[in-house]
């Protein structure tokens, strides 16, 4: 494999990762309509769910040979950003339903 081929494969993977992030984003925004509060078991922010997700990411990273600290930081950033989007959508839906 040449360097050019490796770089091309990386570009293809990056495009696929962005498509997956878009799908995740769409699901997160859709989930907002099912939430009834900002924080708590039925809310936008569910600390126990976030903790569980991050622990699971670390476990999966270990199993795949991915640096667990990197994976946790990456997913913490993804989760934080997605919560922000979901919160915006939830507030928009909440303001139109009252």
C-alpha atoms as a PDB file:
ATOM      1  CA  UNK A   1       0.000   0.000   0.000  1.00  0.00           C
ATOM      2  CA  UNK A   2       1.283   3.449  -0.869  1.00  0.00           C
ATOM      3  CA  UNK A   3       1.104   6.597   1.238  1.00  0.00           C
ATOM      4  CA  UNK A   4      -1.352   8.048  -1.258  1.00  0.00           C
ATOM      5  CA  UNK A   5      -3.625   5.001  -0.895  1.00  0.00           C
ATOM      6  CA  UNK A   6      -3.431   5.170   2.894  1.00  0.00           C
ATOM      7  CA  UNK A   7      -4.348   8.850   2.834  1.00  0.00           C
ATOM      8  CA  UNK A   8      -7.236   8.124   0.495  1.00  0.00           C
ATOM      9  CA  UNK A   9      -8.492   5.378   2.817  1.00  0.00           C
ATOM     10  CA  UNK A  10      -8.258   7.796   5.752  1.00  0.00           C
ATOM     11  CA  UNK A  11     -10.290  10.369   3.798  1.00  0.00           C
ATOM     12  CA  UNK A  12     -12.949   7.737   3.064  1.00  0.00           C
ATOM     13  CA  UNK A  13     -13.111   6.764   6.752  1.00  0.00           C
ATOM     14  CA  UNK A  14     -13.382  10.431   7.782  1.00  0.00           C
ATOM     15  CA  UNK A  15     -16.328  10.898   5.430  1.00  0.00           C
ATOM     16  CA  UNK A  16     -17.998   7.779   6.849  1.00  0.00           C
ATOM     17  CA  UNK A  17     -17.421   8.987  10.406  1.00  0.00           C
ATOM     18  CA  UNK A  18     -19.057  12.325   9.576  1.00  0.00           C
ATOM     19  CA  UNK A  19     -22.058  10.533   8.083  1.00  0.00           C
ATOM     20  CA  UNK A  20     -22.381   8.496  11.282  1.00  0.00           C
ATOM     21  CA  UNK A  21     -22.102  11.648  13.419  1.00  0.00           C
ATOM     22  CA  UNK A  22     -24.894  13.227  11.356  1.00  0.00           C
ATOM     23  CA  UNK A  23     -27.110  10.180  11.945  1.00  0.00           C
ATOM     24  CA  UNK A  24     -26.324  10.334  15.672  1.00  0.00           C
ATOM     25  CA  UNK A  25     -27.094  14.039  15.728  1.00  0.00           C
ATOM     26  CA  UNK A  26     -30.444  13.495  14.016  1.00  0.00           C
ATOM     27  CA  UNK A  27     -31.382  10.800  16.540  1.00  0.00           C
ATOM     28  CA  UNK A  28     -30.377  12.959  19.491  1.00  0.00           C
ATOM     29  CA  UNK A  29     -32.413  15.913  18.224  1.00  0.00           C
ATOM     30  CA  UNK A  30     -35.398  13.594  17.628  1.00  0.00           C
ATOM     31  CA  UNK A  31     -35.109  12.255  21.173  1.00  0.00           C
ATOM     32  CA  UNK A  32     -35.676  15.747  22.583  1.00  0.00           C
ATOM     33  CA  UNK A  33     -39.420  15.519  21.988  1.00  0.00           C
ATOM     34  CA  UNK A  34     -39.621  12.596  24.410  1.00  0.00           C
ATOM     35  CA  UNK A  35     -37.918  14.455  27.262  1.00  0.00           C
ATOM     36  CA  UNK A  36     -39.946  16.154  29.954  1.00  0.00           C
ATOM     37  CA  UNK A  37     -37.262  18.047  31.883  1.00  0.00           C
ATOM     38  CA  UNK A  38     -33.723  19.393  31.585  1.00  0.00           C
ATOM     39  CA  UNK A  39     -32.082  16.908  33.940  1.00  0.00           C
ATOM     40  CA  UNK A  40     -33.166  13.609  35.429  1.00  0.00           C
ATOM     41  CA  UNK A  41     -34.166  10.146  34.276  1.00  0.00           C
ATOM     42  CA  UNK A  42     -36.629  11.533  31.701  1.00  0.00           C
ATOM     43  CA  UNK A  43     -34.577  14.616  30.959  1.00  0.00           C
ATOM     44  CA  UNK A  44     -32.123  15.811  28.382  1.00  0.00           C
ATOM     45  CA  UNK A  45     -29.220  15.373  30.786  1.00  0.00           C
ATOM     46  CA  UNK A  46     -29.081  11.998  32.520  1.00  0.00           C
ATOM     47  CA  UNK A  47     -25.789  11.826  34.434  1.00  0.00           C
ATOM     48  CA  UNK A  48     -26.064   8.078  35.091  1.00  0.00           C
ATOM     49  CA  UNK A  49     -26.585   7.411  31.360  1.00  0.00           C
ATOM     50  CA  UNK A  50     -23.622   9.599  30.420  1.00  0.00           C
ATOM     51  CA  UNK A  51     -21.391   7.842  32.939  1.00  0.00           C
ATOM     52  CA  UNK A  52     -22.530   4.439  31.730  1.00  0.00           C
ATOM     53  CA  UNK A  53     -21.951   5.393  28.096  1.00  0.00           C
ATOM     54  CA  UNK A  54     -18.432   6.637  28.808  1.00  0.00           C
ATOM     55  CA  UNK A  55     -17.572   3.537  30.824  1.00  0.00           C
ATOM     56  CA  UNK A  56     -18.825   1.389  27.951  1.00  0.00           C
ATOM     57  CA  UNK A  57     -16.779   3.405  25.453  1.00  0.00           C
ATOM     58  CA  UNK A  58     -13.653   2.807  27.536  1.00  0.00           C
ATOM     59  CA  UNK A  59     -14.385  -0.924  27.664  1.00  0.00           C
ATOM     60  CA  UNK A  60     -14.942  -1.114  23.922  1.00  0.00           C
ATOM     61  CA  UNK A  61     -11.785   0.921  23.304  1.00  0.00           C
ATOM     62  CA  UNK A  62      -9.780  -1.503  25.422  1.00  0.00           C
ATOM     63  CA  UNK A  63     -11.215  -4.458  23.512  1.00  0.00           C
ATOM     64  CA  UNK A  64     -10.336  -2.851  20.171  1.00  0.00           C
ATOM     65  CA  UNK A  65      -6.887  -1.643  21.181  1.00  0.00           C
ATOM     66  CA  UNK A  66      -7.835   2.037  21.051  1.00  0.00           C
ATOM     67  CA  UNK A  67      -6.406   4.398  23.658  1.00  0.00           C
ATOM     68  CA  UNK A  68      -9.156   4.505  26.291  1.00  0.00           C
ATOM     69  CA  UNK A  69      -8.310   8.036  27.472  1.00  0.00           C
ATOM     70  CA  UNK A  70      -8.527   9.347  23.910  1.00  0.00           C
ATOM     71  CA  UNK A  71     -11.808   7.490  23.308  1.00  0.00           C
ATOM     72  CA  UNK A  72     -13.337   8.830  26.529  1.00  0.00           C
ATOM     73  CA  UNK A  73     -12.300  12.422  25.752  1.00  0.00           C
ATOM     74  CA  UNK A  74     -13.587  12.137  22.187  1.00  0.00           C
ATOM     75  CA  UNK A  75     -16.947  10.788  23.298  1.00  0.00           C
ATOM     76  CA  UNK A  76     -17.211  13.277  26.160  1.00  0.00           C
ATOM     77  CA  UNK A  77     -16.874  16.035  23.542  1.00  0.00           C
ATOM     78  CA  UNK A  78     -19.421  14.365  21.272  1.00  0.00           C
ATOM     79  CA  UNK A  79     -21.871  13.883  24.139  1.00  0.00           C
ATOM     80  CA  UNK A  80     -21.439  17.437  25.418  1.00  0.00           C
ATOM     81  CA  UNK A  81     -22.071  18.857  21.956  1.00  0.00           C
ATOM     82  CA  UNK A  82     -25.054  16.617  21.313  1.00  0.00           C
ATOM     83  CA  UNK A  83     -26.596  17.491  24.689  1.00  0.00           C
ATOM     84  CA  UNK A  84     -26.332  21.149  23.679  1.00  0.00           C
ATOM     85  CA  UNK A  85     -28.178  20.444  20.421  1.00  0.00           C
ATOM     86  CA  UNK A  86     -30.777  18.345  22.189  1.00  0.00           C
ATOM     87  CA  UNK A  87     -31.286  21.028  24.833  1.00  0.00           C
ATOM     88  CA  UNK A  88     -31.880  23.641  22.123  1.00  0.00           C
ATOM     89  CA  UNK A  89     -34.442  21.387  20.452  1.00  0.00           C
ATOM     90  CA  UNK A  90     -36.097  20.519  23.781  1.00  0.00           C
ATOM     91  CA  UNK A  91     -36.424  24.194  24.707  1.00  0.00           C
ATOM     92  CA  UNK A  92     -37.841  24.983  21.279  1.00  0.00           C
ATOM     93  CA  UNK A  93     -40.396  22.147  21.575  1.00  0.00           C
ATOM     94  CA  UNK A  94     -41.170  23.064  25.205  1.00  0.00           C
ATOM     95  CA  UNK A  95     -41.832  26.702  24.321  1.00  0.00           C
ATOM     96  CA  UNK A  96     -44.195  25.771  21.496  1.00  0.00           C
ATOM     97  CA  UNK A  97     -46.162  23.298  23.619  1.00  0.00           C
ATOM     98  CA  UNK A  98     -46.920  25.761  26.421  1.00  0.00           C
END
